[in-house]
C-alpha atoms as a PDB file:
ATOM      1  CA  MET A   1    -132.184   4.432 -46.355  1.00  0.00           C
ATOM      2  CA  GLN A   2    -134.995   2.496 -48.023  1.00  0.00           C
ATOM      3  CA  LEU A   3    -137.783   3.985 -50.139  1.00  0.00           C
ATOM      4  CA  LEU A   4    -140.813   2.085 -51.398  1.00  0.00           C
ATOM      5  CA  SER A   5    -142.974   3.422 -54.246  1.00  0.00           C
ATOM      6  CA  TRP A   6    -146.237   1.767 -55.255  1.00  0.00           C
ATOM      7  CA  ASN A   7    -149.333   2.553 -57.304  1.00  0.00           C
ATOM      8  CA  VAL A   8    -151.929   0.853 -55.085  1.00  0.00           C
ATOM      9  CA  GLN A   9    -154.958   1.298 -57.429  1.00  0.00           C
ATOM     10  CA  TRP A  10    -157.183   2.682 -54.632  1.00  0.00           C
ATOM     11  CA  CYS A  11    -156.047  -0.335 -52.565  1.00  0.00           C
ATOM     12  CA  ARG A  12    -157.805  -2.730 -54.950  1.00  0.00           C
ATOM     13  CA  GLY A  13    -156.177  -6.092 -55.478  1.00  0.00           C
ATOM     14  CA  VAL A  14    -156.333  -8.295 -58.547  1.00  0.00           C
ATOM     15  CA  ASP A  15    -159.034 -10.242 -56.672  1.00  0.00           C
ATOM     16  CA  GLY A  16    -161.242  -7.127 -56.844  1.00  0.00           C
ATOM     17  CA  ARG A  17    -161.158  -6.534 -53.090  1.00  0.00           C
ATOM     18  CA  VAL A  18    -160.379  -3.057 -51.770  1.00  0.00           C
ATOM     19  CA  ASP A  19    -158.342  -3.424 -48.584  1.00  0.00           C
ATOM     20  CA  PRO A  20    -156.061  -0.605 -47.358  1.00  0.00           C
ATOM     21  CA  LEU A  21    -154.888  -2.718 -44.437  1.00  0.00           C
ATOM     22  CA  ARG A  22    -153.756  -5.453 -46.826  1.00  0.00           C
ATOM     23  CA  ILE A  23    -151.706  -2.813 -48.625  1.00  0.00           C
ATOM     24  CA  ALA A  24    -150.129  -1.803 -45.315  1.00  0.00           C
ATOM     25  CA  ARG A  25    -149.372  -5.432 -44.391  1.00  0.00           C
ATOM     26  CA  THR A  26    -147.825  -6.082 -47.795  1.00  0.00           C
ATOM     27  CA  ILE A  27    -145.593  -3.027 -47.493  1.00  0.00           C
ATOM     28  CA  ARG A  28    -144.321  -4.208 -44.115  1.00  0.00           C
ATOM     29  CA  GLU A  29    -143.676  -7.680 -45.541  1.00  0.00           C
ATOM     30  CA  LEU A  30    -141.731  -6.233 -48.464  1.00  0.00           C
ATOM     31  CA  ALA A  31    -139.450  -3.877 -46.585  1.00  0.00           C
ATOM     32  CA  ASP A  32    -138.729  -1.887 -43.478  1.00  0.00           C
ATOM     33  CA  ALA A  33    -139.080   1.275 -45.536  1.00  0.00           C
ATOM     34  CA  ASP A  34    -138.065   4.681 -44.221  1.00  0.00           C
ATOM     35  CA  VAL A  35    -140.130   6.495 -46.843  1.00  0.00           C
ATOM     36  CA  ILE A  36    -143.274   5.136 -48.508  1.00  0.00           C
ATOM     37  CA  CYS A  37    -144.648   6.781 -51.661  1.00  0.00           C
ATOM     38  CA  LEU A  38    -148.117   5.680 -52.730  1.00  0.00           C
ATOM     39  CA  GLN A  39    -150.128   6.640 -55.789  1.00  0.00           C
ATOM     40  CA  GLU A  40    -153.887   6.282 -56.435  1.00  0.00           C
ATOM     41  CA  VAL A  41    -155.101   6.724 -52.875  1.00  0.00           C
ATOM     42  CA  ALA A  42    -158.803   7.599 -52.483  1.00  0.00           C
ATOM     43  CA  ARG A  43    -161.175   9.230 -50.025  1.00  0.00           C
ATOM     44  CA  GLY A  44    -164.950   9.257 -50.414  1.00  0.00           C
ATOM     45  CA  PHE A  45    -165.054   7.777 -53.926  1.00  0.00           C
ATOM     46  CA  ASP A  46    -167.617   4.992 -53.542  1.00  0.00           C
ATOM     47  CA  ALA A  47    -167.937   4.873 -57.345  1.00  0.00           C
ATOM     48  CA  LEU A  48    -164.525   3.230 -57.597  1.00  0.00           C
ATOM     49  CA  ALA A  49    -164.830  -0.521 -58.138  1.00  0.00           C
ATOM     50  CA  GLY A  50    -164.900  -2.398 -54.828  1.00  0.00           C
ATOM     51  CA  SER A  51    -164.811   0.733 -52.675  1.00  0.00           C
ATOM     52  CA  ASP A  52    -167.418   1.983 -50.226  1.00  0.00           C
ATOM     53  CA  GLY A  53    -165.840   5.423 -50.049  1.00  0.00           C
ATOM     54  CA  GLU A  54    -163.465   4.621 -47.171  1.00  0.00           C
ATOM     55  CA  ASP A  55    -160.872   7.225 -46.210  1.00  0.00           C
ATOM     56  CA  GLN A  56    -157.764   5.438 -47.431  1.00  0.00           C
ATOM     57  CA  PHE A  57    -155.480   8.377 -46.602  1.00  0.00           C
ATOM     58  CA  ALA A  58    -156.452   8.115 -42.927  1.00  0.00           C
ATOM     59  CA  MET A  59    -156.413   4.314 -42.835  1.00  0.00           C
ATOM     60  CA  LEU A  60    -152.938   4.078 -44.330  1.00  0.00           C
ATOM     61  CA  ALA A  61    -151.599   6.864 -42.114  1.00  0.00           C
ATOM     62  CA  ASP A  62    -153.001   5.109 -39.025  1.00  0.00           C
ATOM     63  CA  ALA A  63    -151.395   1.846 -40.117  1.00  0.00           C
ATOM     64  CA  PHE A  64    -147.928   3.424 -39.986  1.00  0.00           C
ATOM     65  CA  ASP A  65    -147.637   4.807 -36.490  1.00  0.00           C
ATOM     66  CA  GLY A  66    -144.611   7.060 -36.097  1.00  0.00           C
ATOM     67  CA  TYR A  67    -144.607   8.127 -39.750  1.00  0.00           C
ATOM     68  CA  THR A  68    -145.432  11.629 -40.942  1.00  0.00           C
ATOM     69  CA  ALA A  69    -148.270  11.439 -43.475  1.00  0.00           C
ATOM     70  CA  ILE A  70    -148.350  13.956 -46.329  1.00  0.00           C
ATOM     71  CA  GLU A  71    -151.315  14.044 -48.677  1.00  0.00           C
ATOM     72  CA  GLY A  72    -151.044  15.235 -52.262  1.00  0.00           C
ATOM     73  CA  ILE A  73    -154.593  15.642 -53.559  1.00  0.00           C
ATOM     74  CA  ALA A  74    -155.010  15.886 -57.328  1.00  0.00           C
ATOM     75  CA  VAL A  75    -158.799  15.456 -57.614  1.00  0.00           C
ATOM     76  CA  ASP A  76    -161.036  17.220 -55.086  1.00  0.00           C
ATOM     77  CA  VAL A  77    -164.795  17.290 -55.777  1.00  0.00           C
ATOM     78  CA  PRO A  78    -167.967  17.393 -53.627  1.00  0.00           C
ATOM     79  CA  GLY A  79    -169.741  14.234 -52.602  1.00  0.00           C
ATOM     80  CA  GLU A  80    -173.458  13.630 -52.499  1.00  0.00           C
ATOM     81  CA  PHE A  81    -173.824  14.778 -48.887  1.00  0.00           C
ATOM     82  CA  GLY A  82    -171.339  17.644 -48.826  1.00  0.00           C
ATOM     83  CA  GLU A  83    -168.253  15.557 -48.066  1.00  0.00           C
ATOM     84  CA  ARG A  84    -165.135  15.818 -50.218  1.00  0.00           C
ATOM     85  CA  ARG A  85    -164.188  13.127 -52.686  1.00  0.00           C
ATOM     86  CA  GLN A  86    -160.423  13.154 -53.121  1.00  0.00           C
ATOM     87  CA  PHE A  87    -157.837  11.195 -55.057  1.00  0.00           C
ATOM     88  CA  GLY A  88    -154.070  11.498 -55.257  1.00  0.00           C
ATOM     89  CA  ASN A  89    -150.764  10.550 -53.670  1.00  0.00           C
ATOM     90  CA  LEU A  90    -149.638   9.821 -50.116  1.00  0.00           C
ATOM     91  CA  LEU A  91    -146.099  10.091 -48.766  1.00  0.00           C
ATOM     92  CA  LEU A  92    -145.259   8.497 -45.401  1.00  0.00           C
ATOM     93  CA  SER A  93    -141.911   9.135 -43.714  1.00  0.00           C
ATOM     94  CA  ARG A  94    -140.517   7.983 -40.392  1.00  0.00           C
ATOM     95  CA  LEU A  95    -137.523  10.242 -41.030  1.00  0.00           C
ATOM     96  CA  PRO A  96    -137.881  13.930 -40.139  1.00  0.00           C
ATOM     97  CA  VAL A  97    -139.701  15.951 -42.796  1.00  0.00           C
ATOM     98  CA  ARG A  98    -138.193  19.431 -43.044  1.00  0.00           C
ATOM     99  CA  GLN A  99    -140.377  20.993 -45.702  1.00  0.00           C
ATOM    100  CA  VAL A 100    -143.198  20.032 -48.077  1.00  0.00           C
ATOM    101  CA  TRP A 101    -144.491  21.336 -51.403  1.00  0.00           C
ATOM    102  CA  ARG A 102    -147.645  20.121 -53.115  1.00  0.00           C
ATOM    103  CA  HIS A 103    -147.407  20.748 -56.845  1.00  0.00           C
ATOM    104  CA  LEU A 104    -150.381  20.629 -59.191  1.00  0.00           C
ATOM    105  CA  LEU A 105    -148.930  19.494 -62.500  1.00  0.00           C
ATOM    106  CA  PRO A 106    -149.868  20.965 -65.894  1.00  0.00           C
ATOM    107  CA  TRP A 107    -153.171  19.807 -67.322  1.00  0.00           C
ATOM    108  CA  PRO A 108    -153.382  21.229 -70.849  1.00  0.00           C
ATOM    109  CA  ALA A 109    -156.602  20.654 -72.748  1.00  0.00           C
ATOM    110  CA  ASP A 110    -156.534  17.646 -75.044  1.00  0.00           C
ATOM    111  CA  ALA A 111    -159.369  17.385 -77.570  1.00  0.00           C
ATOM    112  CA  GLU A 112    -158.832  13.627 -77.904  1.00  0.00           C
ATOM    113  CA  HIS A 113    -158.676  12.535 -74.273  1.00  0.00           C
ATOM    114  CA  ALA A 114    -160.311  13.354 -70.955  1.00  0.00           C
ATOM    115  CA  ASP A 115    -157.999  12.720 -68.022  1.00  0.00           C
ATOM    116  CA  MET A 116    -157.934  13.734 -64.382  1.00  0.00           C
ATOM    117  CA  PRO A 117    -155.632  16.404 -62.903  1.00  0.00           C
ATOM    118  CA  ARG A 118    -152.293  15.201 -61.588  1.00  0.00           C
ATOM    119  CA  ALA A 119    -150.120  16.273 -58.647  1.00  0.00           C
ATOM    120  CA  ALA A 120    -146.692  15.701 -57.131  1.00  0.00           C
ATOM    121  CA  ILE A 121    -145.615  15.764 -53.488  1.00  0.00           C
ATOM    122  CA  GLU A 122    -142.108  17.070 -52.847  1.00  0.00           C
ATOM    123  CA  ALA A 123    -140.718  16.639 -49.323  1.00  0.00           C
ATOM    124  CA  VAL A 124    -137.310  17.414 -47.854  1.00  0.00           C
ATOM    125  CA  ILE A 125    -136.325  14.363 -45.804  1.00  0.00           C
ATOM    126  CA  ALA A 126    -133.521  14.269 -43.251  1.00  0.00           C
ATOM    127  CA  ALA A 127    -131.740  11.044 -44.170  1.00  0.00           C
ATOM    128  CA  PRO A 128    -130.314   8.877 -41.358  1.00  0.00           C
ATOM    129  CA  ALA A 129    -127.113  10.353 -39.930  1.00  0.00           C
ATOM    130  CA  ALA A 130    -125.293   7.054 -40.438  1.00  0.00           C
ATOM    131  CA  SER A 131    -125.939   7.214 -44.189  1.00  0.00           C
ATOM    132  CA  ASP A 132    -124.170  10.565 -44.608  1.00  0.00           C
ATOM    133  CA  LEU A 133    -126.739  11.435 -47.293  1.00  0.00           C
ATOM    134  CA  GLY A 134    -127.804  14.688 -45.659  1.00  0.00           C
ATOM    135  CA  PRO A 135    -131.125  16.326 -46.552  1.00  0.00           C
ATOM    136  CA  LEU A 136    -132.789  14.829 -49.591  1.00  0.00           C
ATOM    137  CA  ARG A 137    -135.778  15.817 -51.701  1.00  0.00           C
ATOM    138  CA  VAL A 138    -138.280  13.011 -52.337  1.00  0.00           C
ATOM    139  CA  THR A 139    -140.910  13.686 -54.994  1.00  0.00           C
ATOM    140  CA  THR A 140    -143.673  11.223 -55.809  1.00  0.00           C
ATOM    141  CA  THR A 141    -146.201  11.527 -58.595  1.00  0.00           C
ATOM    142  CA  HIS A 142    -148.627   9.788 -60.945  1.00  0.00           C
ATOM    143  CA  LEU A 143    -148.629  11.133 -64.504  1.00  0.00           C
ATOM    144  CA  GLY A 144    -151.401  11.182 -67.091  1.00  0.00           C
ATOM    145  CA  TYR A 145    -152.397   7.883 -68.660  1.00  0.00           C
ATOM    146  CA  TYR A 146    -154.681   8.737 -71.569  1.00  0.00           C
ATOM    147  CA  SER A 147    -153.150  11.954 -72.862  1.00  0.00           C
ATOM    148  CA  ALA A 148    -149.561  12.002 -74.104  1.00  0.00           C
ATOM    149  CA  THR A 149    -149.843  15.793 -74.389  1.00  0.00           C
ATOM    150  CA  GLN A 150    -150.611  16.101 -70.702  1.00  0.00           C
ATOM    151  CA  ARG A 151    -148.059  13.476 -69.671  1.00  0.00           C
ATOM    152  CA  LEU A 152    -145.218  15.207 -71.513  1.00  0.00           C
ATOM    153  CA  ALA A 153    -146.214  18.589 -70.067  1.00  0.00           C
ATOM    154  CA  GLN A 154    -146.074  16.995 -66.612  1.00  0.00           C
ATOM    155  CA  VAL A 155    -142.607  15.581 -67.337  1.00  0.00           C
ATOM    156  CA  GLU A 156    -141.462  19.086 -68.269  1.00  0.00           C
ATOM    157  CA  ALA A 157    -142.822  20.387 -64.962  1.00  0.00           C
ATOM    158  CA  LEU A 158    -140.925  17.728 -62.998  1.00  0.00           C
ATOM    159  CA  ARG A 159    -137.733  18.644 -64.847  1.00  0.00           C
ATOM    160  CA  ALA A 160    -138.329  22.311 -64.052  1.00  0.00           C
ATOM    161  CA  LEU A 161    -138.784  21.506 -60.360  1.00  0.00           C
ATOM    162  CA  HIS A 162    -135.515  19.571 -60.360  1.00  0.00           C
ATOM    163  CA  ALA A 163    -133.692  22.439 -62.070  1.00  0.00           C
ATOM    164  CA  ALA A 164    -135.149  25.032 -59.697  1.00  0.00           C
ATOM    165  CA  ALA A 165    -134.008  23.029 -56.669  1.00  0.00           C
ATOM    166  CA  GLN A 166    -130.401  23.269 -57.813  1.00  0.00           C
ATOM    167  CA  ALA A 167    -130.505  27.053 -57.316  1.00  0.00           C
ATOM    168  CA  HIS A 168    -132.701  26.967 -54.204  1.00  0.00           C
ATOM    169  CA  GLY A 169    -130.063  24.857 -52.481  1.00  0.00           C
ATOM    170  CA  ARG A 170    -127.792  27.897 -52.246  1.00  0.00           C
ATOM    171  CA  ARG A 171    -128.435  30.219 -49.324  1.00  0.00           C
ATOM    172  CA  PRO A 172    -129.344  33.706 -50.577  1.00  0.00           C
ATOM    173  CA  ALA A 173    -127.431  36.762 -49.409  1.00  0.00           C
ATOM    174  CA  ARG A 174    -130.528  38.062 -47.609  1.00  0.00           C
ATOM    175  CA  ALA A 175    -132.104  35.052 -45.932  1.00  0.00           C
ATOM    176  CA  ASP A 176    -134.994  35.498 -43.496  1.00  0.00           C
ATOM    177  CA  VAL A 177    -134.276  33.712 -40.184  1.00  0.00           C
ATOM    178  CA  SER A 178    -137.397  34.758 -38.261  1.00  0.00           C
ATOM    179  CA  ASN A 179    -138.843  31.213 -37.986  1.00  0.00           C
ATOM    180  CA  GLY A 180    -142.017  32.609 -39.546  1.00  0.00           C
ATOM    181  CA  PRO A 181    -143.479  31.669 -42.926  1.00  0.00           C
ATOM    182  CA  PHE A 182    -140.819  33.747 -44.727  1.00  0.00           C
ATOM    183  CA  HIS A 183    -137.959  31.855 -43.035  1.00  0.00           C
ATOM    184  CA  TRP A 184    -135.438  30.557 -45.582  1.00  0.00           C
ATOM    185  CA  ARG A 185    -135.229  26.768 -45.505  1.00  0.00           C
ATOM    186  CA  LEU A 186    -132.940  24.563 -47.503  1.00  0.00           C
ATOM    187  CA  ARG A 187    -134.298  22.960 -50.662  1.00  0.00           C
ATOM    188  CA  PRO A 188    -131.454  20.539 -51.372  1.00  0.00           C
ATOM    189  CA  ALA A 189    -130.218  19.764 -54.846  1.00  0.00           C
ATOM    190  CA  ALA A 190    -130.041  16.019 -54.116  1.00  0.00           C
ATOM    191  CA  GLY A 191    -133.296  14.301 -54.937  1.00  0.00           C
ATOM    192  CA  ILE A 192    -135.396  11.309 -55.940  1.00  0.00           C
ATOM    193  CA  VAL A 193    -138.429  11.427 -58.254  1.00  0.00           C
ATOM    194  CA  CYS A 194    -140.545   8.275 -58.134  1.00  0.00           C
ATOM    195  CA  GLY A 195    -143.977   7.007 -59.024  1.00  0.00           C
ATOM    196  CA  ASP A 196    -146.140   5.852 -61.908  1.00  0.00           C
ATOM    197  CA  PHE A 197    -145.059   7.662 -65.070  1.00  0.00           C
ATOM    198  CA  ASN A 198    -147.501   5.822 -67.352  1.00  0.00           C
ATOM    199  CA  CYS A 199    -144.899   5.316 -70.064  1.00  0.00           C
ATOM    200  CA  GLU A 200    -142.406   2.598 -70.876  1.00  0.00           C
ATOM    201  CA  PRO A 201    -138.603   2.698 -70.815  1.00  0.00           C
ATOM    202  CA  GLY A 202    -137.429   4.527 -73.906  1.00  0.00           C
ATOM    203  CA  ALA A 203    -140.818   6.173 -74.523  1.00  0.00           C
ATOM    204  CA  PRO A 204    -140.801   9.967 -74.964  1.00  0.00           C
ATOM    205  CA  GLY A 205    -141.732  10.676 -71.340  1.00  0.00           C
ATOM    206  CA  HIS A 206    -139.105   8.364 -69.883  1.00  0.00           C
ATOM    207  CA  SER A 207    -136.408   9.548 -72.296  1.00  0.00           C
ATOM    208  CA  ARG A 208    -137.198  13.198 -71.609  1.00  0.00           C
ATOM    209  CA  MET A 209    -136.780  12.690 -67.865  1.00  0.00           C
ATOM    210  CA  LEU A 210    -133.186  11.627 -68.555  1.00  0.00           C
ATOM    211  CA  GLU A 211    -132.222  14.288 -71.086  1.00  0.00           C
ATOM    212  CA  PRO A 212    -129.418  16.734 -70.229  1.00  0.00           C
ATOM    213  CA  PHE A 213    -130.384  20.305 -69.366  1.00  0.00           C
ATOM    214  CA  ALA A 214    -129.308  23.038 -71.751  1.00  0.00           C
ATOM    215  CA  ASP A 215    -128.039  25.205 -68.890  1.00  0.00           C
ATOM    216  CA  GLY A 216    -125.770  22.485 -67.515  1.00  0.00           C
ATOM    217  CA  THR A 217    -128.024  21.437 -64.639  1.00  0.00           C
ATOM    218  CA  PRO A 218    -127.027  17.847 -63.722  1.00  0.00           C
ATOM    219  CA  ALA A 219    -129.392  15.407 -65.415  1.00  0.00           C
ATOM    220  CA  LEU A 220    -131.580  12.897 -63.642  1.00  0.00           C
ATOM    221  CA  ARG A 221    -130.718   9.212 -63.910  1.00  0.00           C
ATOM    222  CA  ASP A 222    -132.877   6.077 -63.878  1.00  0.00           C
ATOM    223  CA  ALA A 223    -132.014   4.152 -60.701  1.00  0.00           C
ATOM    224  CA  TRP A 224    -132.770   0.852 -62.448  1.00  0.00           C
ATOM    225  CA  GLN A 225    -130.056   1.519 -65.019  1.00  0.00           C
ATOM    226  CA  ILE A 226    -127.622   2.285 -62.197  1.00  0.00           C
ATOM    227  CA  ALA A 227    -128.463  -0.841 -60.185  1.00  0.00           C
ATOM    228  CA  HIS A 228    -128.878  -3.166 -63.202  1.00  0.00           C
ATOM    229  CA  PRO A 229    -126.696  -1.825 -66.041  1.00  0.00           C
ATOM    230  CA  GLY A 230    -127.550  -3.306 -69.399  1.00  0.00           C
ATOM    231  CA  ARG A 231    -130.630  -5.187 -68.168  1.00  0.00           C
ATOM    232  CA  PRO A 232    -134.189  -4.416 -69.321  1.00  0.00           C
ATOM    233  CA  HIS A 233    -136.316  -2.869 -66.598  1.00  0.00           C
ATOM    234  CA  ALA A 234    -138.319  -5.492 -64.700  1.00  0.00           C
ATOM    235  CA  PRO A 235    -142.062  -5.175 -65.413  1.00  0.00           C
ATOM    236  CA  THR A 236    -144.265  -3.326 -62.947  1.00  0.00           C
ATOM    237  CA  VAL A 237    -147.641  -4.150 -64.533  1.00  0.00           C
ATOM    238  CA  GLY A 238    -149.152  -7.187 -66.223  1.00  0.00           C
ATOM    239  CA  LEU A 239    -147.822  -9.817 -63.815  1.00  0.00           C
ATOM    240  CA  TYR A 240    -151.210 -10.669 -62.296  1.00  0.00           C
ATOM    241  CA  ASP A 241    -153.808  -8.295 -63.769  1.00  0.00           C
ATOM    242  CA  THR A 242    -153.751  -9.406 -67.388  1.00  0.00           C
ATOM    243  CA  ALA A 243    -157.160  -7.860 -68.145  1.00  0.00           C
ATOM    244  CA  GLN A 244    -156.029  -4.252 -67.706  1.00  0.00           C
ATOM    245  CA  TRP A 245    -152.476  -5.076 -68.778  1.00  0.00           C
ATOM    246  CA  PRO A 246    -152.412  -7.857 -71.417  1.00  0.00           C
ATOM    247  CA  ARG A 247    -148.617  -7.711 -71.556  1.00  0.00           C
ATOM    248  CA  ARG A 248    -145.875  -7.091 -69.017  1.00  0.00           C
ATOM    249  CA  PHE A 249    -143.881  -3.872 -69.017  1.00  0.00           C
ATOM    250  CA  ALA A 250    -142.463  -1.219 -66.689  1.00  0.00           C
ATOM    251  CA  CYS A 251    -144.111   2.154 -66.137  1.00  0.00           C
ATOM    252  CA  ASP A 252    -143.106   2.796 -62.504  1.00  0.00           C
ATOM    253  CA  PHE A 253    -139.667   4.341 -62.028  1.00  0.00           C
ATOM    254  CA  ALA A 254    -137.278   5.962 -59.595  1.00  0.00           C
ATOM    255  CA  PHE A 255    -135.100   8.750 -60.982  1.00  0.00           C
ATOM    256  CA  VAL A 256    -132.226  10.131 -58.910  1.00  0.00           C
ATOM    257  CA  SER A 257    -130.084  13.245 -59.145  1.00  0.00           C
ATOM    258  CA  GLU A 258    -126.465  12.898 -60.175  1.00  0.00           C
ATOM    259  CA  ASP A 259    -125.212  13.359 -56.607  1.00  0.00           C
ATOM    260  CA  VAL A 260    -127.490  10.564 -55.348  1.00  0.00           C
ATOM    261  CA  ALA A 261    -126.571   8.126 -58.134  1.00  0.00           C
ATOM    262  CA  PRO A 262    -123.376   6.823 -56.444  1.00  0.00           C
ATOM    263  CA  ARG A 263    -125.434   5.982 -53.356  1.00  0.00           C
ATOM    264  CA  VAL A 264    -127.848   3.645 -55.178  1.00  0.00           C
ATOM    265  CA  GLN A 265    -127.207   0.199 -53.710  1.00  0.00           C
ATOM    266  CA  ALA A 266    -130.211  -1.693 -55.046  1.00  0.00           C
ATOM    267  CA  LEU A 267    -133.511  -1.326 -56.873  1.00  0.00           C
ATOM    268  CA  HIS A 268    -135.940  -4.230 -56.550  1.00  0.00           C
ATOM    269  CA  ILE A 269    -139.335  -4.740 -58.175  1.00  0.00           C
ATOM    270  CA  ASP A 270    -141.618  -6.958 -56.123  1.00  0.00           C
ATOM    271  CA  GLY A 271    -142.922  -9.853 -58.181  1.00  0.00           C
ATOM    272  CA  GLY A 272    -144.964 -11.646 -55.548  1.00  0.00           C
ATOM    273  CA  SER A 273    -147.874  -9.436 -54.527  1.00  0.00           C
ATOM    274  CA  ALA A 274    -151.236  -9.182 -56.293  1.00  0.00           C
ATOM    275  CA  ALA A 275    -152.593  -6.584 -53.828  1.00  0.00           C
ATOM    276  CA  SER A 276    -152.649  -4.019 -56.667  1.00  0.00           C
ATOM    277  CA  ASP A 277    -152.446  -4.082 -60.454  1.00  0.00           C
ATOM    278  CA  HIS A 278    -148.939  -2.581 -60.127  1.00  0.00           C
ATOM    279  CA  GLN A 279    -145.871  -4.007 -58.432  1.00  0.00           C
ATOM    280  CA  ALA A 280    -144.035  -2.118 -55.712  1.00  0.00           C
ATOM    281  CA  LEU A 281    -140.583  -0.655 -56.310  1.00  0.00           C
ATOM    282  CA  LEU A 282    -137.976  -0.698 -53.521  1.00  0.00           C
ATOM    283  CA  LEU A 283    -134.941   1.610 -53.703  1.00  0.00           C
ATOM    284  CA  ARG A 284    -132.040   1.282 -51.256  1.00  0.00           C
ATOM    285  CA  LEU A 285    -129.460   4.020 -50.793  1.00  0.00           C
ATOM    286  CA  GLY A 286    -126.264   3.709 -48.791  1.00  0.00           C
END
């Protein structure tokens, strides 16, 4: 199973051109990904540099025929003519999607910084039968950039979601089986949390994601550290856009649950594309 995660900066390349189809082509060149997790996807926001307000959610979904497209809108405001202007995450899966949650993440007031709301998409994916992975939760998100207060609150929410899934993976004694909205469906313990965390390795947000849980819940692990033990994380920004990012560092990560960790075969950071200010991350599980 291959998963690609990428902050596409509203499909704006380092050349300043907004081109969702270039993003789609680049993804296909990078990998034959089963699951694609994209951050900073826009609809109707013609105020974004280089954009004319194109519906990037629809364009990217159309570019991946046969994939289920799941939108995770974080910003939703009216446009000038009554249309909606939306911004958030997009998850595309060619594997069966069993269940989806769209989580709005905490957004505590910060007197020092204005930042936009943030969201996370959590989807239960049926991994390929040959992989023997079984059902797997994939969560993708984009955390606060300006406000450390908000970013750390969002990290706590992601940890809480991971902890809650450990209990939800056990069938309750009285489980509804009506096939209606109350039907009990598995929320597996095994999971991946990926995206743009807007903090560096070892920073408070990154370190907190890896901390043990007081109640004994299995901790999350950084897939880079599993695939490349002892090596500094390859940079995910600053390779080509040196105006926004005057130095190179990593802020895009893939965290995996303890039961997924032994299945991590590789984690690769693309170093060749300038189709966004971030570099794509490719995780392979076996």
